[in-house]
Amino acid sequence: MKTKKKDAQPGKWSAAVTSHSNALDLEERIFTSENPAAIAASLKRSALRSKRRKGTPFQSAMSMLNFYINRAGKNLPEKQRQVLEAAKDELREAFGKV
C-alpha cells in the first residue's frame, strides 16, 4: 500500500489560517503590538464583528490568540510571549470572564 506524498506548498500554512480563518478577520500585524490591552481590544472587536465564527466571541478571540502563540513556538521572542500571555488576561477582563 503506497502513501501519497503531500505537495510542497510555499509559505506557512499557519499564515494562511490566520489570514483566511472562518473565526475572525484580524487587523494586520496585531500580534506584534507591545500593548496587551490593544491586542485584546482588537481581538474583541474582530470577534464581535465576525459573522463567520462558530463559537462565542470570547472563544474565537482566545482561540486565535492561543493559535498564534502555539504556532510561533520557540521562534517567538520571550518579551513578545509575555505580552501575548498578558493579552490573554486582558481578553478575559474585556469579556467579563475574570
PDB file of N, CA and C in Angstrom:
ATOM      1  N   MET A   1       0.835  -1.174   0.000  1.00  0.00           N
ATOM      2  CA  MET A   1       0.000   0.000   0.000  1.00  0.00           C
ATOM      3  C   MET A   1       0.885   1.245   0.000  1.00  0.00           C
ATOM      4  N   LYS A   2       0.698   2.099  -0.978  1.00  0.00           N
ATOM      5  CA  LYS A   2       1.512   3.298  -1.091  1.00  0.00           C
ATOM      6  C   LYS A   2       0.836   4.463  -0.386  1.00  0.00           C
ATOM      7  N   THR A   3       1.670   5.319   0.182  1.00  0.00           N
ATOM      8  CA  THR A   3       1.135   6.542   0.787  1.00  0.00           C
ATOM      9  C   THR A   3       1.390   7.699  -0.166  1.00  0.00           C
ATOM     10  N   LYS A   4       0.473   8.609  -0.182  1.00  0.00           N
ATOM     11  CA  LYS A   4       0.624   9.770  -1.049  1.00  0.00           C
ATOM     12  C   LYS A   4       1.521  10.792  -0.371  1.00  0.00           C
ATOM     13  N   LYS A   5       2.386  11.361  -1.162  1.00  0.00           N
ATOM     14  CA  LYS A   5       3.284  12.393  -0.655  1.00  0.00           C
ATOM     15  C   LYS A   5       2.606  13.742  -0.851  1.00  0.00           C
ATOM     16  N   LYS A   6       2.603  14.533   0.203  1.00  0.00           N
ATOM     17  CA  LYS A   6       1.974  15.856   0.092  1.00  0.00           C
ATOM     18  C   LYS A   6       2.815  16.753  -0.808  1.00  0.00           C
ATOM     19  N   ASP A   7       2.139  17.544  -1.617  1.00  0.00           N
ATOM     20  CA  ASP A   7       2.847  18.500  -2.451  1.00  0.00           C
ATOM     21  C   ASP A   7       3.375  19.619  -1.582  1.00  0.00           C
ATOM     22  N   ALA A   8       4.594  20.017  -1.817  1.00  0.00           N
ATOM     23  CA  ALA A   8       5.181  21.122  -1.057  1.00  0.00           C
ATOM     24  C   ALA A   8       4.488  22.416  -1.462  1.00  0.00           C
ATOM     25  N   GLN A   9       4.071  23.157  -0.461  1.00  0.00           N
ATOM     26  CA  GLN A   9       3.409  24.427  -0.725  1.00  0.00           C
ATOM     27  C   GLN A   9       4.269  25.556  -0.184  1.00  0.00           C
ATOM     28  N   PRO A  10       4.422  26.622  -0.944  1.00  0.00           N
ATOM     29  CA  PRO A  10       5.239  27.731  -0.461  1.00  0.00           C
ATOM     30  C   PRO A  10       4.547  28.437   0.704  1.00  0.00           C
ATOM     31  N   GLY A  11       5.343  29.014   1.586  1.00  0.00           N
ATOM     32  CA  GLY A  11       4.781  29.750   2.712  1.00  0.00           C
ATOM     33  C   GLY A  11       4.399  28.821   3.836  1.00  0.00           C
ATOM     34  N   LYS A  12       3.849  29.391   4.872  1.00  0.00           N
ATOM     35  CA  LYS A  12       3.468  28.621   6.045  1.00  0.00           C
ATOM     36  C   LYS A  12       1.956  28.461   6.102  1.00  0.00           C
ATOM     37  N   TRP A  13       1.518  27.257   6.393  1.00  0.00           N
ATOM     38  CA  TRP A  13       0.082  27.011   6.455  1.00  0.00           C
ATOM     39  C   TRP A  13      -0.548  27.827   7.566  1.00  0.00           C
ATOM     40  N   SER A  14       0.189  28.102   8.648  1.00  0.00           N
ATOM     41  CA  SER A  14      -0.390  28.853   9.755  1.00  0.00           C
ATOM     42  C   SER A  14      -0.694  30.300   9.354  1.00  0.00           C
ATOM     43  N   ALA A  15       0.098  30.852   8.459  1.00  0.00           N
ATOM     44  CA  ALA A  15      -0.180  32.204   7.968  1.00  0.00           C
ATOM     45  C   ALA A  15      -1.485  32.217   7.187  1.00  0.00           C
ATOM     46  N   ALA A  16      -1.727  31.165   6.425  1.00  0.00           N
ATOM     47  CA  ALA A  16      -2.972  31.067   5.668  1.00  0.00           C
ATOM     48  C   ALA A  16      -4.159  30.932   6.613  1.00  0.00           C
ATOM     49  N   VAL A  17      -3.997  30.169   7.676  1.00  0.00           N
ATOM     50  CA  VAL A  17      -5.077  30.016   8.649  1.00  0.00           C
ATOM     51  C   VAL A  17      -5.390  31.361   9.296  1.00  0.00           C
ATOM     52  N   THR A  18      -4.354  32.078   9.690  1.00  0.00           N
ATOM     53  CA  THR A  18      -4.554  33.370  10.342  1.00  0.00           C
ATOM     54  C   THR A  18      -5.264  34.356   9.423  1.00  0.00           C
ATOM     55  N   SER A  19      -4.899  34.356   8.144  1.00  0.00           N
ATOM     56  CA  SER A  19      -5.498  35.335   7.245  1.00  0.00           C
ATOM     57  C   SER A  19      -6.826  34.897   6.640  1.00  0.00           C
ATOM     58  N   HIS A  20      -7.098  33.596   6.581  1.00  0.00           N
ATOM     59  CA  HIS A  20      -8.332  33.117   5.955  1.00  0.00           C
ATOM     60  C   HIS A  20      -9.235  32.351   6.911  1.00  0.00           C
ATOM     61  N   SER A  21      -8.997  32.488   8.188  1.00  0.00           N
ATOM     62  CA  SER A  21      -9.763  31.741   9.178  1.00  0.00           C
ATOM     63  C   SER A  21     -11.234  32.104   9.127  1.00  0.00           C
ATOM     64  N   ASN A  22     -12.082  31.115   9.384  1.00  0.00           N
ATOM     65  CA  ASN A  22     -13.502  31.395   9.492  1.00  0.00           C
ATOM     66  C   ASN A  22     -13.852  32.018  10.831  1.00  0.00           C
ATOM     67  N   ALA A  23     -12.907  32.060  11.731  1.00  0.00           N
ATOM     68  CA  ALA A  23     -13.185  32.587  13.059  1.00  0.00           C
ATOM     69  C   ALA A  23     -13.217  34.110  13.068  1.00  0.00           C
ATOM     70  N   LEU A  24     -12.187  34.749  12.556  1.00  0.00           N
ATOM     71  CA  LEU A  24     -12.070  36.203  12.685  1.00  0.00           C
ATOM     72  C   LEU A  24     -11.396  36.835  11.481  1.00  0.00           C
ATOM     73  N   ASP A  25     -11.722  38.091  11.250  1.00  0.00           N
ATOM     74  CA  ASP A  25     -10.978  38.926  10.317  1.00  0.00           C
ATOM     75  C   ASP A  25     -10.122  39.833  11.188  1.00  0.00           C
ATOM     76  N   LEU A  26      -8.829  39.579  11.212  1.00  0.00           N
ATOM     77  CA  LEU A  26      -7.936  40.283  12.126  1.00  0.00           C
ATOM     78  C   LEU A  26      -7.338  41.530  11.504  1.00  0.00           C
ATOM     79  N   GLU A  27      -7.016  42.504  12.363  1.00  0.00           N
ATOM     80  CA  GLU A  27      -6.275  43.669  11.917  1.00  0.00           C
ATOM     81  C   GLU A  27      -4.855  43.220  11.594  1.00  0.00           C
ATOM     82  N   GLU A  28      -4.238  43.873  10.630  1.00  0.00           N
ATOM     83  CA  GLU A  28      -2.885  43.496  10.248  1.00  0.00           C
ATOM     84  C   GLU A  28      -1.907  43.745  11.385  1.00  0.00           C
ATOM     85  N   ARG A  29      -0.987  42.832  11.554  1.00  0.00           N
ATOM     86  CA  ARG A  29       0.122  42.923  12.494  1.00  0.00           C
ATOM     87  C   ARG A  29      -0.308  43.139  13.943  1.00  0.00           C
ATOM     88  N   ILE A  30      -1.503  42.700  14.303  1.00  0.00           N
ATOM     89  CA  ILE A  30      -1.995  42.904  15.656  1.00  0.00           C
ATOM     90  C   ILE A  30      -1.152  42.159  16.684  1.00  0.00           C
ATOM     91  N   PHE A  31      -0.637  41.011  16.338  1.00  0.00           N
ATOM     92  CA  PHE A  31       0.116  40.220  17.308  1.00  0.00           C
ATOM     93  C   PHE A  31       1.525  40.747  17.541  1.00  0.00           C
ATOM     94  N   THR A  32       1.943  41.759  16.796  1.00  0.00           N
ATOM     95  CA  THR A  32       3.269  42.337  17.006  1.00  0.00           C
ATOM     96  C   THR A  32       3.224  43.555  17.912  1.00  0.00           C
ATOM     97  N   SER A  33       2.044  43.961  18.336  1.00  0.00           N
ATOM     98  CA  SER A  33       1.906  45.104  19.238  1.00  0.00           C
ATOM     99  C   SER A  33       2.571  44.793  20.578  1.00  0.00           C
ATOM    100  N   GLU A  34       3.058  45.826  21.246  1.00  0.00           N
ATOM    101  CA  GLU A  34       3.661  45.654  22.565  1.00  0.00           C
ATOM    102  C   GLU A  34       2.684  46.010  23.677  1.00  0.00           C
ATOM    103  N   ASN A  35       1.430  46.246  23.320  1.00  0.00           N
ATOM    104  CA  ASN A  35       0.413  46.648  24.279  1.00  0.00           C
ATOM    105  C   ASN A  35      -0.640  45.543  24.407  1.00  0.00           C
ATOM    106  N   PRO A  36      -0.631  44.799  25.538  1.00  0.00           N
ATOM    107  CA  PRO A  36      -1.598  43.702  25.703  1.00  0.00           C
ATOM    108  C   PRO A  36      -3.050  44.164  25.625  1.00  0.00           C
ATOM    109  N   ALA A  37      -3.343  45.352  26.149  1.00  0.00           N
ATOM    110  CA  ALA A  37      -4.716  45.865  26.116  1.00  0.00           C
ATOM    111  C   ALA A  37      -5.157  46.140  24.679  1.00  0.00           C
ATOM    112  N   ALA A  38      -4.249  46.634  23.854  1.00  0.00           N
ATOM    113  CA  ALA A  38      -4.576  46.915  22.450  1.00  0.00           C
ATOM    114  C   ALA A  38      -4.827  45.613  21.688  1.00  0.00           C
ATOM    115  N   ILE A  39      -4.044  44.590  21.974  1.00  0.00           N
ATOM    116  CA  ILE A  39      -4.237  43.288  21.329  1.00  0.00           C
ATOM    117  C   ILE A  39      -5.598  42.727  21.709  1.00  0.00           C
ATOM    118  N   ALA A  40      -5.908  42.770  23.015  1.00  0.00           N
ATOM    119  CA  ALA A  40      -7.188  42.239  23.497  1.00  0.00           C
ATOM    120  C   ALA A  40      -8.360  43.014  22.899  1.00  0.00           C
ATOM    121  N   ALA A  41      -8.243  44.335  22.852  1.00  0.00           N
ATOM    122  CA  ALA A  41      -9.322  45.162  22.311  1.00  0.00           C
ATOM    123  C   ALA A  41      -9.550  44.855  20.829  1.00  0.00           C
ATOM    124  N   SER A  42      -8.467  44.684  20.085  1.00  0.00           N
ATOM    125  CA  SER A  42      -8.584  44.381  18.668  1.00  0.00           C
ATOM    126  C   SER A  42      -9.222  43.014  18.446  1.00  0.00           C
ATOM    127  N   LEU A  43      -8.798  42.025  19.228  1.00  0.00           N
ATOM    128  CA  LEU A  43      -9.383  40.690  19.098  1.00  0.00           C
ATOM    129  C   LEU A  43     -10.864  40.703  19.460  1.00  0.00           C
ATOM    130  N   LYS A  44     -11.214  41.458  20.490  1.00  0.00           N
ATOM    131  CA  LYS A  44     -12.624  41.539  20.892  1.00  0.00           C
ATOM    132  C   LYS A  44     -13.449  42.180  19.778  1.00  0.00           C
ATOM    133  N   ARG A  45     -12.942  43.291  19.229  1.00  0.00           N
ATOM    134  CA  ARG A  45     -13.647  43.962  18.122  1.00  0.00           C
ATOM    135  C   ARG A  45     -13.856  43.007  16.959  1.00  0.00           C
ATOM    136  N   SER A  46     -12.788  42.310  16.594  1.00  0.00           N
ATOM    137  CA  SER A  46     -12.867  41.380  15.467  1.00  0.00           C
ATOM    138  C   SER A  46     -13.855  40.252  15.736  1.00  0.00           C
ATOM    139  N   ALA A  47     -13.837  39.738  16.965  1.00  0.00           N
ATOM    140  CA  ALA A  47     -14.729  38.624  17.310  1.00  0.00           C
ATOM    141  C   ALA A  47     -16.190  39.065  17.319  1.00  0.00           C
ATOM    142  N   LEU A  48     -16.449  40.266  17.813  1.00  0.00           N
ATOM    143  CA  LEU A  48     -17.831  40.749  17.864  1.00  0.00           C
ATOM    144  C   LEU A  48     -18.375  41.073  16.477  1.00  0.00           C
ATOM    145  N   ARG A  49     -17.515  41.511  15.576  1.00  0.00           N
ATOM    146  CA  ARG A  49     -17.940  41.863  14.214  1.00  0.00           C
ATOM    147  C   ARG A  49     -18.115  40.649  13.312  1.00  0.00           C
ATOM    148  N   SER A  50     -17.410  39.585  13.626  1.00  0.00           N
ATOM    149  CA  SER A  50     -17.387  38.425  12.737  1.00  0.00           C
ATOM    150  C   SER A  50     -18.750  37.747  12.640  1.00  0.00           C
ATOM    151  N   LYS A  51     -19.114  37.428  11.426  1.00  0.00           N
ATOM    152  CA  LYS A  51     -20.347  36.682  11.172  1.00  0.00           C
ATOM    153  C   LYS A  51     -20.034  35.228  10.817  1.00  0.00           C
ATOM    154  N   ARG A  52     -18.738  34.891  10.769  1.00  0.00           N
ATOM    155  CA  ARG A  52     -18.324  33.563  10.326  1.00  0.00           C
ATOM    156  C   ARG A  52     -17.854  32.668  11.467  1.00  0.00           C
ATOM    157  N   ARG A  53     -17.792  33.171  12.666  1.00  0.00           N
ATOM    158  CA  ARG A  53     -17.261  32.362  13.763  1.00  0.00           C
ATOM    159  C   ARG A  53     -18.240  31.261  14.141  1.00  0.00           C
ATOM    160  N   LYS A  54     -17.696  30.200  14.719  1.00  0.00           N
ATOM    161  CA  LYS A  54     -18.535  29.066  15.090  1.00  0.00           C
ATOM    162  C   LYS A  54     -18.859  29.067  16.577  1.00  0.00           C
ATOM    163  N   GLY A  55     -17.965  29.603  17.399  1.00  0.00           N
ATOM    164  CA  GLY A  55     -18.187  29.641  18.844  1.00  0.00           C
ATOM    165  C   GLY A  55     -18.626  31.024  19.288  1.00  0.00           C
ATOM    166  N   THR A  56     -18.497  31.272  20.585  1.00  0.00           N
ATOM    167  CA  THR A  56     -18.812  32.593  21.120  1.00  0.00           C
ATOM    168  C   THR A  56     -17.696  33.557  20.726  1.00  0.00           C
ATOM    169  N   PRO A  57     -17.949  34.863  20.812  1.00  0.00           N
ATOM    170  CA  PRO A  57     -16.877  35.813  20.507  1.00  0.00           C
ATOM    171  C   PRO A  57     -15.636  35.598  21.382  1.00  0.00           C
ATOM    172  N   PHE A  58     -15.849  35.316  22.674  1.00  0.00           N
ATOM    173  CA  PHE A  58     -14.712  35.077  23.564  1.00  0.00           C
ATOM    174  C   PHE A  58     -13.919  33.855  23.112  1.00  0.00           C
ATOM    175  N   GLN A  59     -14.605  32.776  22.799  1.00  0.00           N
ATOM    176  CA  GLN A  59     -13.915  31.557  22.361  1.00  0.00           C
ATOM    177  C   GLN A  59     -13.102  31.809  21.095  1.00  0.00           C
ATOM    178  N   SER A  60     -13.683  32.523  20.156  1.00  0.00           N
ATOM    179  CA  SER A  60     -12.990  32.788  18.899  1.00  0.00           C
ATOM    180  C   SER A  60     -11.755  33.650  19.115  1.00  0.00           C
ATOM    181  N   ALA A  61     -11.886  34.687  19.922  1.00  0.00           N
ATOM    182  CA  ALA A  61     -10.765  35.584  20.175  1.00  0.00           C
ATOM    183  C   ALA A  61      -9.638  34.855  20.907  1.00  0.00           C
ATOM    184  N   MET A  62      -9.982  34.118  21.951  1.00  0.00           N
ATOM    185  CA  MET A  62      -8.965  33.407  22.724  1.00  0.00           C
ATOM    186  C   MET A  62      -8.326  32.307  21.880  1.00  0.00           C
ATOM    187  N   SER A  63      -9.112  31.660  21.061  1.00  0.00           N
ATOM    188  CA  SER A  63      -8.599  30.608  20.199  1.00  0.00           C
ATOM    189  C   SER A  63      -7.565  31.156  19.225  1.00  0.00           C
ATOM    190  N   MET A  64      -7.846  32.298  18.622  1.00  0.00           N
ATOM    191  CA  MET A  64      -6.915  32.881  17.666  1.00  0.00           C
ATOM    192  C   MET A  64      -5.627  33.315  18.366  1.00  0.00           C
ATOM    193  N   LEU A  65      -5.739  33.856  19.563  1.00  0.00           N
ATOM    194  CA  LEU A  65      -4.557  34.263  20.322  1.00  0.00           C
ATOM    195  C   LEU A  65      -3.706  33.038  20.682  1.00  0.00           C
ATOM    196  N   ASN A  66      -4.336  31.996  21.170  1.00  0.00           N
ATOM    197  CA  ASN A  66      -3.608  30.769  21.503  1.00  0.00           C
ATOM    198  C   ASN A  66      -2.984  30.141  20.256  1.00  0.00           C
ATOM    199  N   PHE A  67      -3.712  30.157  19.167  1.00  0.00           N
ATOM    200  CA  PHE A  67      -3.197  29.616  17.917  1.00  0.00           C
ATOM    201  C   PHE A  67      -1.905  30.323  17.521  1.00  0.00           C
ATOM    202  N   TYR A  68      -1.915  31.645  17.603  1.00  0.00           N
ATOM    203  CA  TYR A  68      -0.721  32.407  17.224  1.00  0.00           C
ATOM    204  C   TYR A  68       0.448  32.078  18.138  1.00  0.00           C
ATOM    205  N   ILE A  69       0.213  32.041  19.441  1.00  0.00           N
ATOM    206  CA  ILE A  69       1.275  31.735  20.405  1.00  0.00           C
ATOM    207  C   ILE A  69       1.837  30.336  20.147  1.00  0.00           C
ATOM    208  N   ASN A  70       0.960  29.364  19.961  1.00  0.00           N
ATOM    209  CA  ASN A  70       1.406  27.986  19.754  1.00  0.00           C
ATOM    210  C   ASN A  70       2.158  27.803  18.444  1.00  0.00           C
ATOM    211  N   ARG A  71       1.698  28.435  17.384  1.00  0.00           N
ATOM    212  CA  ARG A  71       2.353  28.265  16.089  1.00  0.00           C
ATOM    213  C   ARG A  71       3.690  28.984  16.040  1.00  0.00           C
ATOM    214  N   ALA A  72       3.823  30.083  16.765  1.00  0.00           N
ATOM    215  CA  ALA A  72       5.105  30.800  16.776  1.00  0.00           C
ATOM    216  C   ALA A  72       6.158  29.971  17.513  1.00  0.00           C
ATOM    217  N   GLY A  73       5.721  29.240  18.520  1.00  0.00           N
ATOM    218  CA  GLY A  73       6.592  28.316  19.236  1.00  0.00           C
ATOM    219  C   GLY A  73       7.874  28.943  19.735  1.00  0.00           C
ATOM    220  N   LYS A  74       8.977  28.258  19.503  1.00  0.00           N
ATOM    221  CA  LYS A  74      10.257  28.721  20.016  1.00  0.00           C
ATOM    222  C   LYS A  74      10.792  29.932  19.253  1.00  0.00           C
ATOM    223  N   ASN A  75      10.181  30.271  18.128  1.00  0.00           N
ATOM    224  CA  ASN A  75      10.615  31.444  17.367  1.00  0.00           C
ATOM    225  C   ASN A  75      10.056  32.749  17.924  1.00  0.00           C
ATOM    226  N   LEU A  76       9.131  32.659  18.866  1.00  0.00           N
ATOM    227  CA  LEU A  76       8.531  33.851  19.459  1.00  0.00           C
ATOM    228  C   LEU A  76       9.465  34.377  20.549  1.00  0.00           C
ATOM    229  N   PRO A  77       9.923  35.624  20.427  1.00  0.00           N
ATOM    230  CA  PRO A  77      10.799  36.178  21.461  1.00  0.00           C
ATOM    231  C   PRO A  77      10.098  36.186  22.823  1.00  0.00           C
ATOM    232  N   GLU A  78      10.848  35.963  23.875  1.00  0.00           N
ATOM    233  CA  GLU A  78      10.288  35.872  25.223  1.00  0.00           C
ATOM    234  C   GLU A  78       9.502  37.126  25.599  1.00  0.00           C
ATOM    235  N   LYS A  79      10.003  38.292  25.230  1.00  0.00           N
ATOM    236  CA  LYS A  79       9.308  39.546  25.555  1.00  0.00           C
ATOM    237  C   LYS A  79       7.924  39.580  24.902  1.00  0.00           C
ATOM    238  N   GLN A  80       7.845  39.177  23.635  1.00  0.00           N
ATOM    239  CA  GLN A  80       6.556  39.190  22.933  1.00  0.00           C
ATOM    240  C   GLN A  80       5.639  38.105  23.478  1.00  0.00           C
ATOM    241  N   ARG A  81       6.200  36.958  23.890  1.00  0.00           N
ATOM    242  CA  ARG A  81       5.391  35.904  24.501  1.00  0.00           C
ATOM    243  C   ARG A  81       4.735  36.435  25.779  1.00  0.00           C
ATOM    244  N   GLN A  82       5.486  37.191  26.566  1.00  0.00           N
ATOM    245  CA  GLN A  82       4.940  37.770  27.796  1.00  0.00           C
ATOM    246  C   GLN A  82       3.817  38.750  27.491  1.00  0.00           C
ATOM    247  N   VAL A  83       3.992  39.549  26.446  1.00  0.00           N
ATOM    248  CA  VAL A  83       2.955  40.495  26.034  1.00  0.00           C
ATOM    249  C   VAL A  83       1.692  39.739  25.626  1.00  0.00           C
ATOM    250  N   LEU A  84       1.854  38.673  24.856  1.00  0.00           N
ATOM    251  CA  LEU A  84       0.697  37.904  24.388  1.00  0.00           C
ATOM    252  C   LEU A  84       0.020  37.149  25.534  1.00  0.00           C
ATOM    253  N   GLU A  85       0.794  36.649  26.471  1.00  0.00           N
ATOM    254  CA  GLU A  85       0.207  35.994  27.647  1.00  0.00           C
ATOM    255  C   GLU A  85      -0.575  37.013  28.475  1.00  0.00           C
ATOM    256  N   ALA A  86      -0.049  38.234  28.592  1.00  0.00           N
ATOM    257  CA  ALA A  86      -0.769  39.295  29.307  1.00  0.00           C
ATOM    258  C   ALA A  86      -2.043  39.672  28.548  1.00  0.00           C
ATOM    259  N   ALA A  87      -2.002  39.578  27.223  1.00  0.00           N
ATOM    260  CA  ALA A  87      -3.185  39.877  26.412  1.00  0.00           C
ATOM    261  C   ALA A  87      -4.312  38.887  26.706  1.00  0.00           C
ATOM    262  N   LYS A  88      -3.963  37.658  27.071  1.00  0.00           N
ATOM    263  CA  LYS A  88      -4.991  36.680  27.448  1.00  0.00           C
ATOM    264  C   LYS A  88      -5.764  37.175  28.670  1.00  0.00           C
ATOM    265  N   ASP A  89      -5.032  37.672  29.662  1.00  0.00           N
ATOM    266  CA  ASP A  89      -5.690  38.196  30.863  1.00  0.00           C
ATOM    267  C   ASP A  89      -6.559  39.408  30.524  1.00  0.00           C
ATOM    268  N   GLU A  90      -6.042  40.280  29.666  1.00  0.00           N
ATOM    269  CA  GLU A  90      -6.804  41.459  29.224  1.00  0.00           C
ATOM    270  C   GLU A  90      -8.070  41.028  28.480  1.00  0.00           C
ATOM    271  N   LEU A  91      -7.954  39.997  27.681  1.00  0.00           N
ATOM    272  CA  LEU A  91      -9.100  39.490  26.921  1.00  0.00           C
ATOM    273  C   LEU A  91     -10.163  38.932  27.848  1.00  0.00           C
ATOM    274  N   ARG A  92      -9.731  38.191  28.860  1.00  0.00           N
ATOM    275  CA  ARG A  92     -10.686  37.672  29.849  1.00  0.00           C
ATOM    276  C   ARG A  92     -11.415  38.822  30.538  1.00  0.00           C
ATOM    277  N   GLU A  93     -10.676  39.859  30.913  1.00  0.00           N
ATOM    278  CA  GLU A  93     -11.310  41.025  31.554  1.00  0.00           C
ATOM    279  C   GLU A  93     -12.279  41.709  30.605  1.00  0.00           C
ATOM    280  N   ALA A  94     -11.880  41.859  29.351  1.00  0.00           N
ATOM    281  CA  ALA A  94     -12.713  42.543  28.354  1.00  0.00           C
ATOM    282  C   ALA A  94     -14.056  41.838  28.160  1.00  0.00           C
ATOM    283  N   PHE A  95     -14.048  40.525  28.291  1.00  0.00           N
ATOM    284  CA  PHE A  95     -15.275  39.746  28.129  1.00  0.00           C
ATOM    285  C   PHE A  95     -15.938  39.403  29.450  1.00  0.00           C
ATOM    286  N   GLY A  96     -15.406  39.942  30.551  1.00  0.00           N
ATOM    287  CA  GLY A  96     -16.006  39.693  31.867  1.00  0.00           C
ATOM    288  C   GLY A  96     -15.851  38.269  32.339  1.00  0.00           C
ATOM    289  N   LYS A  97     -14.749  37.630  32.001  1.00  0.00           N
ATOM    290  CA  LYS A  97     -14.528  36.230  32.357  1.00  0.00           C
ATOM    291  C   LYS A  97     -13.507  36.091  33.489  1.00  0.00           C
ATOM    292  N   VAL A  98     -13.329  37.127  34.273  1.00  0.00           N
ATOM    293  CA  VAL A  98     -12.306  37.086  35.348  1.00  0.00           C
ATOM    294  C   VAL A  98     -12.822  36.375  36.549  1.00  0.00           C
TER     295      VAL A  98
END
